[in-house]
Amino acid sequence: MNKYLEEIQNTTTPQGTAALWWLGQMGFIIKMGQTVIAVDYFASDDIERLARAPIPAKEMEGIDAYLGTHNHLDHIDHDAWKIWAGDQKPKFIFPRAHMESVLADGVKRENAVGLNDGESVTIGDITITAVAASHEFLDQDPETGLFPYLQYIIEGNGVRIHHAGDSVRYEGMLPKIKSYGQIDAEILPINGRDAVRYRDNCIGNMTYQEAADFAAEVGTRLVIPGHFDMFAHNGEDPKRFADFIDAKYSGRLTCHIPDYMDKIIVKA
């Protein structure tokens, strides 16, 4: 077994705790109780990526569910999902708008869990609830009502985590997130957006200032930045994020800048 997966398997999470490991970009492995999920894991080799995947796709095992927030390579990695689909155990959770592309990866229909805004699924000890995300735009299909971009409320073991996927803040997003109760950790993108990237068809996310303000308004105690490390043209310095939090929210909000496969313990 891969050394990181062995560590995850041997990690215990007493009631009121969860364990997280950063996989790069917005990718995380999360363990609550006896259940292990992987969210937005970009596991394939790519000429443009700045850091290699910490666990090769072919070595992944012991995962109860793979989650993807939207149908971009660094969030739903179809080459990796084709590999993981060969394991009959895990479920695959994703925006229902992308059902056909996921089934094309070889995921069996009974393992394909397509969600839309406000819908939930429980996998073992973890409940996952979908919240619509605005990845630059809140692109709801007018005919189906489906949202192509999601974020997730991940609950289990007495802990509640918000994984924002790729998001910018939109009207009504804050009360939606707060309606689920106390958020023990926020995982937010900080790479921002600008005209250069937009003209290059690279749609954006929260700036680090927007992410800090959102986390503070949610009322979480812990915020973990993501989406800052993977591509040279679309990153950010997480130290600027941490410094901004220290200047504006010292004593109210803690920032943990993750390192690859860094174990982070979240407490309720």
C-alpha atoms as a PDB file:
ATOM      1  CA  MET A   1       0.000   0.000   0.000  1.00  0.00           C
ATOM      2  CA  ASN A   2       1.128   3.548  -0.731  1.00  0.00           C
ATOM      3  CA  LYS A   3       2.744   5.088   2.374  1.00  0.00           C
ATOM      4  CA  TYR A   4       0.307   7.995   2.452  1.00  0.00           C
ATOM      5  CA  LEU A   5      -2.711   5.729   2.140  1.00  0.00           C
ATOM      6  CA  GLU A   6      -1.297   3.556   4.901  1.00  0.00           C
ATOM      7  CA  GLU A   7      -1.087   6.637   7.128  1.00  0.00           C
ATOM      8  CA  ILE A   8      -4.682   7.512   6.300  1.00  0.00           C
ATOM      9  CA  GLN A   9      -5.820   3.977   7.049  1.00  0.00           C
ATOM     10  CA  ASN A  10      -4.032   4.060  10.422  1.00  0.00           C
ATOM     11  CA  THR A  11      -5.315   7.516  11.394  1.00  0.00           C
ATOM     12  CA  THR A  12      -8.140   7.479  13.921  1.00  0.00           C
ATOM     13  CA  THR A  13     -10.667  10.286  14.093  1.00  0.00           C
ATOM     14  CA  PRO A  14     -12.416  10.375  17.472  1.00  0.00           C
ATOM     15  CA  GLN A  15     -15.896  11.878  17.629  1.00  0.00           C
ATOM     16  CA  GLY A  16     -15.692  15.617  17.062  1.00  0.00           C
ATOM     17  CA  THR A  17     -12.651  15.408  14.763  1.00  0.00           C
ATOM     18  CA  ALA A  18     -11.835  14.945  11.090  1.00  0.00           C
ATOM     19  CA  ALA A  19      -8.515  14.463   9.323  1.00  0.00           C
ATOM     20  CA  LEU A  20      -7.600  16.119   6.013  1.00  0.00           C
ATOM     21  CA  TRP A  21      -4.690  15.619   3.633  1.00  0.00           C
ATOM     22  CA  TRP A  22      -3.976  18.097   0.826  1.00  0.00           C
ATOM     23  CA  LEU A  23      -3.461  16.627  -2.642  1.00  0.00           C
ATOM     24  CA  GLY A  24      -2.681  19.911  -4.389  1.00  0.00           C
ATOM     25  CA  GLN A  25      -4.940  22.476  -6.089  1.00  0.00           C
ATOM     26  CA  MET A  26      -8.423  21.917  -4.519  1.00  0.00           C
ATOM     27  CA  GLY A  27      -7.769  18.235  -3.899  1.00  0.00           C
ATOM     28  CA  PHE A  28      -8.217  16.794  -0.414  1.00  0.00           C
ATOM     29  CA  ILE A  29      -8.625  13.422   1.204  1.00  0.00           C
ATOM     30  CA  ILE A  30     -10.997  13.682   4.154  1.00  0.00           C
ATOM     31  CA  LYS A  31     -11.523  11.054   6.848  1.00  0.00           C
ATOM     32  CA  MET A  32     -14.446  11.171   9.255  1.00  0.00           C
ATOM     33  CA  GLY A  33     -15.037   8.111  11.422  1.00  0.00           C
ATOM     34  CA  GLN A  34     -14.281   5.084   9.264  1.00  0.00           C
ATOM     35  CA  THR A  35     -15.122   6.767   5.960  1.00  0.00           C
ATOM     36  CA  VAL A  36     -12.568   8.222   3.536  1.00  0.00           C
ATOM     37  CA  ILE A  37     -13.396  10.453   0.582  1.00  0.00           C
ATOM     38  CA  ALA A  38     -11.253  12.189  -2.035  1.00  0.00           C
ATOM     39  CA  VAL A  39     -12.421  15.556  -3.366  1.00  0.00           C
ATOM     40  CA  ASP A  40     -11.227  17.196  -6.609  1.00  0.00           C
ATOM     41  CA  TYR A  41      -8.119  15.042  -6.946  1.00  0.00           C
ATOM     42  CA  PHE A  42      -6.112  15.951 -10.058  1.00  0.00           C
ATOM     43  CA  ALA A  43      -4.037  12.788 -10.260  1.00  0.00           C
ATOM     44  CA  SER A  44      -2.943  12.620 -13.901  1.00  0.00           C
ATOM     45  CA  ASP A  45       0.340  13.821 -15.341  1.00  0.00           C
ATOM     46  CA  ASP A  46       0.050  17.075 -17.253  1.00  0.00           C
ATOM     47  CA  ILE A  47       2.780  19.043 -18.957  1.00  0.00           C
ATOM     48  CA  GLU A  48       1.596  22.302 -17.384  1.00  0.00           C
ATOM     49  CA  ARG A  49       1.293  21.180 -13.768  1.00  0.00           C
ATOM     50  CA  LEU A  50       3.971  22.503 -11.399  1.00  0.00           C
ATOM     51  CA  ALA A  51       3.765  19.671  -8.861  1.00  0.00           C
ATOM     52  CA  ARG A  52       3.365  15.948  -9.362  1.00  0.00           C
ATOM     53  CA  ALA A  53       0.397  14.126  -7.905  1.00  0.00           C
ATOM     54  CA  PRO A  54       1.405  12.850  -4.449  1.00  0.00           C
ATOM     55  CA  ILE A  55      -0.379   9.519  -4.964  1.00  0.00           C
ATOM     56  CA  PRO A  56      -0.403   7.996  -8.470  1.00  0.00           C
ATOM     57  CA  ALA A  57      -3.929   7.322  -9.701  1.00  0.00           C
ATOM     58  CA  LYS A  58      -3.223   3.604 -10.054  1.00  0.00           C
ATOM     59  CA  GLU A  59      -2.207   3.356  -6.391  1.00  0.00           C
ATOM     60  CA  MET A  60      -5.387   4.844  -4.948  1.00  0.00           C
ATOM     61  CA  GLU A  61      -7.253   2.404  -2.729  1.00  0.00           C
ATOM     62  CA  GLY A  62      -9.390   2.432   0.384  1.00  0.00           C
ATOM     63  CA  ILE A  63     -11.437   5.399  -0.870  1.00  0.00           C
ATOM     64  CA  ASP A  64     -15.177   5.196  -0.213  1.00  0.00           C
ATOM     65  CA  ALA A  65     -16.145   8.017  -2.567  1.00  0.00           C
ATOM     66  CA  TYR A  66     -14.551  10.273  -5.155  1.00  0.00           C
ATOM     67  CA  LEU A  67     -16.058  13.751  -5.373  1.00  0.00           C
ATOM     68  CA  GLY A  68     -15.714  16.223  -8.207  1.00  0.00           C
ATOM     69  CA  THR A  69     -17.058  19.739  -7.988  1.00  0.00           C
ATOM     70  CA  HIS A  70     -17.171  20.420 -11.737  1.00  0.00           C
ATOM     71  CA  ASN A  71     -16.082  19.130 -15.107  1.00  0.00           C
ATOM     72  CA  HIS A  72     -12.612  20.679 -15.411  1.00  0.00           C
ATOM     73  CA  LEU A  73      -9.496  18.496 -15.578  1.00  0.00           C
ATOM     74  CA  ASP A  74      -8.154  19.584 -12.199  1.00  0.00           C
ATOM     75  CA  HIS A  75     -11.458  18.746 -10.460  1.00  0.00           C
ATOM     76  CA  ILE A  76     -12.934  15.810 -12.368  1.00  0.00           C
ATOM     77  CA  ASP A  77      -9.863  14.091 -13.765  1.00  0.00           C
ATOM     78  CA  HIS A  78     -11.463  11.746 -16.296  1.00  0.00           C
ATOM     79  CA  ASP A  79      -8.294   9.750 -16.961  1.00  0.00           C
ATOM     80  CA  ALA A  80      -8.040   9.031 -13.242  1.00  0.00           C
ATOM     81  CA  TRP A  81     -11.775   8.368 -12.869  1.00  0.00           C
ATOM     82  CA  LYS A  82     -11.485   5.750 -15.626  1.00  0.00           C
ATOM     83  CA  ILE A  83      -8.908   3.970 -13.471  1.00  0.00           C
ATOM     84  CA  TRP A  84     -10.889   4.315 -10.251  1.00  0.00           C
ATOM     85  CA  ALA A  85     -14.075   3.126 -11.947  1.00  0.00           C
ATOM     86  CA  GLY A  86     -12.492  -0.321 -12.102  1.00  0.00           C
ATOM     87  CA  ASP A  87     -12.897  -0.588  -8.329  1.00  0.00           C
ATOM     88  CA  GLN A  88     -16.498  -1.606  -7.650  1.00  0.00           C
ATOM     89  CA  LYS A  89     -16.548  -0.207  -4.099  1.00  0.00           C
ATOM     90  CA  PRO A  90     -16.347   3.600  -4.317  1.00  0.00           C
ATOM     91  CA  LYS A  91     -19.161   5.939  -5.253  1.00  0.00           C
ATOM     92  CA  PHE A  92     -18.571   8.883  -7.582  1.00  0.00           C
ATOM     93  CA  ILE A  93     -20.264  12.159  -6.623  1.00  0.00           C
ATOM     94  CA  PHE A  94     -20.463  15.073  -9.049  1.00  0.00           C
ATOM     95  CA  PRO A  95     -22.855  17.632 -10.584  1.00  0.00           C
ATOM     96  CA  ARG A  96     -25.695  15.725 -12.223  1.00  0.00           C
ATOM     97  CA  ALA A  97     -25.244  17.964 -15.271  1.00  0.00           C
ATOM     98  CA  HIS A  98     -22.167  15.845 -16.082  1.00  0.00           C
ATOM     99  CA  MET A  99     -23.752  12.404 -15.722  1.00  0.00           C
ATOM    100  CA  GLU A 100     -23.068  11.272 -19.282  1.00  0.00           C
ATOM    101  CA  SER A 101     -19.372  12.201 -19.211  1.00  0.00           C
ATOM    102  CA  VAL A 102     -18.916  10.315 -15.926  1.00  0.00           C
ATOM    103  CA  LEU A 103     -20.701   7.218 -17.214  1.00  0.00           C
ATOM    104  CA  ALA A 104     -18.426   7.409 -20.269  1.00  0.00           C
ATOM    105  CA  ASP A 105     -15.500   6.939 -17.857  1.00  0.00           C
ATOM    106  CA  GLY A 106     -16.818   3.470 -17.096  1.00  0.00           C
ATOM    107  CA  VAL A 107     -18.415   4.356 -13.764  1.00  0.00           C
ATOM    108  CA  LYS A 108     -21.356   2.004 -13.242  1.00  0.00           C
ATOM    109  CA  ARG A 109     -24.690   3.781 -13.012  1.00  0.00           C
ATOM    110  CA  GLU A 110     -25.316   2.411  -9.510  1.00  0.00           C
ATOM    111  CA  ASN A 111     -22.068   4.048  -8.366  1.00  0.00           C
ATOM    112  CA  ALA A 112     -22.700   7.372 -10.127  1.00  0.00           C
ATOM    113  CA  VAL A 113     -24.317   9.884  -7.763  1.00  0.00           C
ATOM    114  CA  GLY A 114     -25.213  13.078  -9.576  1.00  0.00           C
ATOM    115  CA  LEU A 115     -26.272  15.911  -7.287  1.00  0.00           C
ATOM    116  CA  ASN A 116     -27.774  19.339  -7.775  1.00  0.00           C
ATOM    117  CA  ASP A 117     -28.138  22.352  -5.498  1.00  0.00           C
ATOM    118  CA  GLY A 118     -29.541  21.364  -2.088  1.00  0.00           C
ATOM    119  CA  GLU A 119     -29.364  17.596  -2.631  1.00  0.00           C
ATOM    120  CA  SER A 120     -27.532  15.233  -0.273  1.00  0.00           C
ATOM    121  CA  VAL A 121     -26.102  11.743  -0.176  1.00  0.00           C
ATOM    122  CA  THR A 122     -24.684   9.751   2.744  1.00  0.00           C
ATOM    123  CA  ILE A 123     -21.638   7.534   2.247  1.00  0.00           C
ATOM    124  CA  GLY A 124     -20.794   5.590   5.397  1.00  0.00           C
ATOM    125  CA  ASP A 125     -20.143   8.107   8.164  1.00  0.00           C
ATOM    126  CA  ILE A 126     -20.182  11.148   5.850  1.00  0.00           C
ATOM    127  CA  THR A 127     -23.067  13.174   4.426  1.00  0.00           C
ATOM    128  CA  ILE A 128     -22.352  15.350   1.401  1.00  0.00           C
ATOM    129  CA  THR A 129     -24.692  18.188   0.447  1.00  0.00           C
ATOM    130  CA  ALA A 130     -24.373  20.062  -2.830  1.00  0.00           C
ATOM    131  CA  VAL A 131     -24.533  23.848  -3.027  1.00  0.00           C
ATOM    132  CA  ALA A 132     -24.545  25.683  -6.359  1.00  0.00           C
ATOM    133  CA  ALA A 133     -21.250  27.412  -7.144  1.00  0.00           C
ATOM    134  CA  SER A 134     -20.552  30.434  -9.325  1.00  0.00           C
ATOM    135  CA  HIS A 135     -17.325  29.727 -11.202  1.00  0.00           C
ATOM    136  CA  GLU A 136     -17.221  33.286 -12.488  1.00  0.00           C
ATOM    137  CA  PHE A 137     -20.884  32.784 -13.451  1.00  0.00           C
ATOM    138  CA  LEU A 138     -23.825  30.960 -11.852  1.00  0.00           C
ATOM    139  CA  ASP A 139     -24.626  28.920 -14.964  1.00  0.00           C
ATOM    140  CA  GLN A 140     -27.910  27.166 -14.230  1.00  0.00           C
ATOM    141  CA  ASP A 141     -29.415  25.389 -17.229  1.00  0.00           C
ATOM    142  CA  PRO A 142     -32.826  27.034 -17.783  1.00  0.00           C
ATOM    143  CA  GLU A 143     -34.392  23.805 -19.069  1.00  0.00           C
ATOM    144  CA  THR A 144     -33.079  21.227 -16.597  1.00  0.00           C
ATOM    145  CA  GLY A 145     -32.414  23.480 -13.608  1.00  0.00           C
ATOM    146  CA  LEU A 146     -29.008  21.833 -13.215  1.00  0.00           C
ATOM    147  CA  PHE A 147     -25.880  23.662 -12.069  1.00  0.00           C
ATOM    148  CA  PRO A 148     -22.569  22.672 -13.710  1.00  0.00           C
ATOM    149  CA  TYR A 149     -20.475  23.887 -10.752  1.00  0.00           C
ATOM    150  CA  LEU A 150     -20.974  22.737  -7.175  1.00  0.00           C
ATOM    151  CA  GLN A 151     -19.463  23.163  -3.742  1.00  0.00           C
ATOM    152  CA  TYR A 152     -20.013  20.698  -0.917  1.00  0.00           C
ATOM    153  CA  ILE A 153     -20.956  20.709   2.742  1.00  0.00           C
ATOM    154  CA  ILE A 154     -19.212  17.625   4.143  1.00  0.00           C
ATOM    155  CA  GLU A 155     -20.488  16.422   7.518  1.00  0.00           C
ATOM    156  CA  GLY A 156     -19.590  13.505   9.727  1.00  0.00           C
ATOM    157  CA  ASN A 157     -18.254  12.544  13.123  1.00  0.00           C
ATOM    158  CA  GLY A 158     -19.686  15.768  14.562  1.00  0.00           C
ATOM    159  CA  VAL A 159     -17.613  17.944  12.168  1.00  0.00           C
ATOM    160  CA  ARG A 160     -18.815  20.138   9.312  1.00  0.00           C
ATOM    161  CA  ILE A 161     -16.503  21.272   6.465  1.00  0.00           C
ATOM    162  CA  HIS A 162     -17.289  23.528   3.524  1.00  0.00           C
ATOM    163  CA  HIS A 163     -15.329  22.710   0.367  1.00  0.00           C
ATOM    164  CA  ALA A 164     -16.023  25.544  -2.063  1.00  0.00           C
ATOM    165  CA  GLY A 165     -14.646  23.937  -5.223  1.00  0.00           C
ATOM    166  CA  ASP A 166     -14.076  26.702  -7.738  1.00  0.00           C
ATOM    167  CA  SER A 167     -16.202  29.635  -6.609  1.00  0.00           C
ATOM    168  CA  VAL A 168     -16.721  33.322  -6.562  1.00  0.00           C
ATOM    169  CA  ARG A 169     -19.145  34.755  -4.051  1.00  0.00           C
ATOM    170  CA  TYR A 170     -22.673  35.379  -5.303  1.00  0.00           C
ATOM    171  CA  GLU A 171     -25.815  36.928  -3.830  1.00  0.00           C
ATOM    172  CA  GLY A 172     -27.294  34.449  -1.368  1.00  0.00           C
ATOM    173  CA  MET A 173     -24.240  32.190  -1.080  1.00  0.00           C
ATOM    174  CA  LEU A 174     -23.343  33.259   2.457  1.00  0.00           C
ATOM    175  CA  PRO A 175     -26.788  32.579   3.983  1.00  0.00           C
ATOM    176  CA  LYS A 176     -26.912  29.245   2.144  1.00  0.00           C
ATOM    177  CA  ILE A 177     -23.653  28.111   3.716  1.00  0.00           C
ATOM    178  CA  LYS A 178     -24.569  29.454   7.144  1.00  0.00           C
ATOM    179  CA  SER A 179     -27.945  27.677   7.032  1.00  0.00           C
ATOM    180  CA  TYR A 180     -26.174  24.340   7.504  1.00  0.00           C
ATOM    181  CA  GLY A 181     -24.935  25.348  10.959  1.00  0.00           C
ATOM    182  CA  GLN A 182     -21.497  25.949  12.402  1.00  0.00           C
ATOM    183  CA  ILE A 183     -18.754  25.403   9.815  1.00  0.00           C
ATOM    184  CA  ASP A 184     -15.643  23.992  11.474  1.00  0.00           C
ATOM    185  CA  ALA A 185     -13.354  24.506   8.466  1.00  0.00           C
ATOM    186  CA  GLU A 186     -13.550  26.424   5.208  1.00  0.00           C
ATOM    187  CA  ILE A 187     -11.611  25.202   2.148  1.00  0.00           C
ATOM    188  CA  LEU A 188     -11.560  28.084  -0.319  1.00  0.00           C
ATOM    189  CA  PRO A 189      -9.830  28.889  -3.639  1.00  0.00           C
ATOM    190  CA  ILE A 190      -7.683  32.020  -3.544  1.00  0.00           C
ATOM    191  CA  ASN A 191      -6.259  32.353  -7.070  1.00  0.00           C
ATOM    192  CA  GLY A 192      -8.602  35.178  -8.050  1.00  0.00           C
ATOM    193  CA  ARG A 193      -9.465  36.348 -11.545  1.00  0.00           C
ATOM    194  CA  ASP A 194      -8.465  39.083 -13.958  1.00  0.00           C
ATOM    195  CA  ALA A 195      -8.874  40.270 -17.536  1.00  0.00           C
ATOM    196  CA  VAL A 196      -5.769  38.461 -18.815  1.00  0.00           C
ATOM    197  CA  ARG A 197      -7.012  35.083 -17.619  1.00  0.00           C
ATOM    198  CA  TYR A 198     -10.574  35.770 -18.678  1.00  0.00           C
ATOM    199  CA  ARG A 199      -9.462  36.615 -22.236  1.00  0.00           C
ATOM    200  CA  ASP A 200      -7.529  33.330 -22.218  1.00  0.00           C
ATOM    201  CA  ASN A 201     -10.751  31.466 -21.313  1.00  0.00           C
ATOM    202  CA  CYS A 202      -9.457  30.855 -17.779  1.00  0.00           C
ATOM    203  CA  ILE A 203     -12.454  31.589 -15.590  1.00  0.00           C
ATOM    204  CA  GLY A 204     -11.808  32.704 -12.069  1.00  0.00           C
ATOM    205  CA  ASN A 205     -12.321  32.303  -8.366  1.00  0.00           C
ATOM    206  CA  MET A 206     -12.302  34.369  -5.204  1.00  0.00           C
ATOM    207  CA  THR A 207      -9.359  36.646  -4.617  1.00  0.00           C
ATOM    208  CA  TYR A 208      -7.497  35.929  -1.408  1.00  0.00           C
ATOM    209  CA  GLN A 209      -9.107  39.024   0.161  1.00  0.00           C
ATOM    210  CA  GLU A 210     -12.601  37.853  -0.832  1.00  0.00           C
ATOM    211  CA  ALA A 211     -11.880  34.381   0.516  1.00  0.00           C
ATOM    212  CA  ALA A 212     -10.700  35.748   3.860  1.00  0.00           C
ATOM    213  CA  ASP A 213     -13.754  37.981   4.204  1.00  0.00           C
ATOM    214  CA  PHE A 214     -16.099  35.131   3.295  1.00  0.00           C
ATOM    215  CA  ALA A 215     -14.540  32.766   5.849  1.00  0.00           C
ATOM    216  CA  ALA A 216     -14.776  35.419   8.554  1.00  0.00           C
ATOM    217  CA  GLU A 217     -18.428  36.115   7.746  1.00  0.00           C
ATOM    218  CA  VAL A 218     -19.271  32.411   7.789  1.00  0.00           C
ATOM    219  CA  GLY A 219     -17.895  32.377  11.320  1.00  0.00           C
ATOM    220  CA  THR A 220     -15.538  29.456  10.923  1.00  0.00           C
ATOM    221  CA  ARG A 221     -12.436  29.227  13.080  1.00  0.00           C
ATOM    222  CA  LEU A 222     -10.203  27.589  10.470  1.00  0.00           C
ATOM    223  CA  VAL A 223      -9.665  28.389   6.806  1.00  0.00           C
ATOM    224  CA  ILE A 224      -7.504  26.371   4.411  1.00  0.00           C
ATOM    225  CA  PRO A 225      -6.577  27.913   1.050  1.00  0.00           C
ATOM    226  CA  GLY A 226      -6.425  25.983  -2.199  1.00  0.00           C
ATOM    227  CA  HIS A 227      -6.030  26.519  -5.935  1.00  0.00           C
ATOM    228  CA  PHE A 228      -2.769  28.444  -5.607  1.00  0.00           C
ATOM    229  CA  ASP A 229      -0.061  25.950  -6.530  1.00  0.00           C
ATOM    230  CA  MET A 230      -0.720  24.019  -9.714  1.00  0.00           C
ATOM    231  CA  PHE A 231      -0.391  26.274 -12.777  1.00  0.00           C
ATOM    232  CA  ALA A 232       2.051  29.142 -13.281  1.00  0.00           C
ATOM    233  CA  HIS A 233      -0.532  31.328 -15.013  1.00  0.00           C
ATOM    234  CA  ASN A 234      -3.271  30.773 -12.450  1.00  0.00           C
ATOM    235  CA  GLY A 235      -1.858  30.828  -8.932  1.00  0.00           C
ATOM    236  CA  GLU A 236      -1.402  33.025  -5.884  1.00  0.00           C
ATOM    237  CA  ASP A 237       0.974  33.322  -2.940  1.00  0.00           C
ATOM    238  CA  PRO A 238      -0.846  31.806   0.056  1.00  0.00           C
ATOM    239  CA  LYS A 239       1.381  33.805   2.407  1.00  0.00           C
ATOM    240  CA  ARG A 240      -0.427  36.932   1.242  1.00  0.00           C
ATOM    241  CA  PHE A 241      -3.691  35.268   2.231  1.00  0.00           C
ATOM    242  CA  ALA A 242      -2.363  34.337   5.669  1.00  0.00           C
ATOM    243  CA  ASP A 243      -0.912  37.818   6.191  1.00  0.00           C
ATOM    244  CA  PHE A 244      -4.199  39.469   5.224  1.00  0.00           C
ATOM    245  CA  ILE A 245      -6.049  37.280   7.745  1.00  0.00           C
ATOM    246  CA  ASP A 246      -3.497  38.099  10.433  1.00  0.00           C
ATOM    247  CA  ALA A 247      -3.912  41.822   9.765  1.00  0.00           C
ATOM    248  CA  LYS A 248      -7.704  41.887   9.509  1.00  0.00           C
ATOM    249  CA  TYR A 249      -8.977  38.938  11.532  1.00  0.00           C
ATOM    250  CA  SER A 250      -6.282  38.210  14.113  1.00  0.00           C
ATOM    251  CA  GLY A 251      -7.733  36.226  16.994  1.00  0.00           C
ATOM    252  CA  ARG A 252     -10.918  35.440  15.050  1.00  0.00           C
ATOM    253  CA  LEU A 253      -9.722  33.298  12.187  1.00  0.00           C
ATOM    254  CA  THR A 254      -6.841  30.849  11.800  1.00  0.00           C
ATOM    255  CA  CYS A 255      -5.274  30.155   8.411  1.00  0.00           C
ATOM    256  CA  HIS A 256      -3.536  26.850   7.767  1.00  0.00           C
ATOM    257  CA  ILE A 257      -1.480  26.850   4.556  1.00  0.00           C
ATOM    258  CA  PRO A 258      -1.309  23.178   3.612  1.00  0.00           C
ATOM    259  CA  ASP A 259       1.651  21.218   2.340  1.00  0.00           C
ATOM    260  CA  TYR A 260       1.299  18.138   0.127  1.00  0.00           C
ATOM    261  CA  MET A 261      -0.132  15.248   2.170  1.00  0.00           C
ATOM    262  CA  ASP A 262       0.081  17.439   5.265  1.00  0.00           C
ATOM    263  CA  LYS A 263      -2.315  15.959   7.840  1.00  0.00           C
ATOM    264  CA  ILE A 264      -4.666  18.604   9.221  1.00  0.00           C
ATOM    265  CA  ILE A 265      -6.901  17.807  12.168  1.00  0.00           C
ATOM    266  CA  VAL A 266     -10.201  19.687  12.239  1.00  0.00           C
ATOM    267  CA  LYS A 267     -12.078  19.868  15.539  1.00  0.00           C
ATOM    268  CA  ALA A 268     -15.720  20.715  16.094  1.00  0.00           C
END
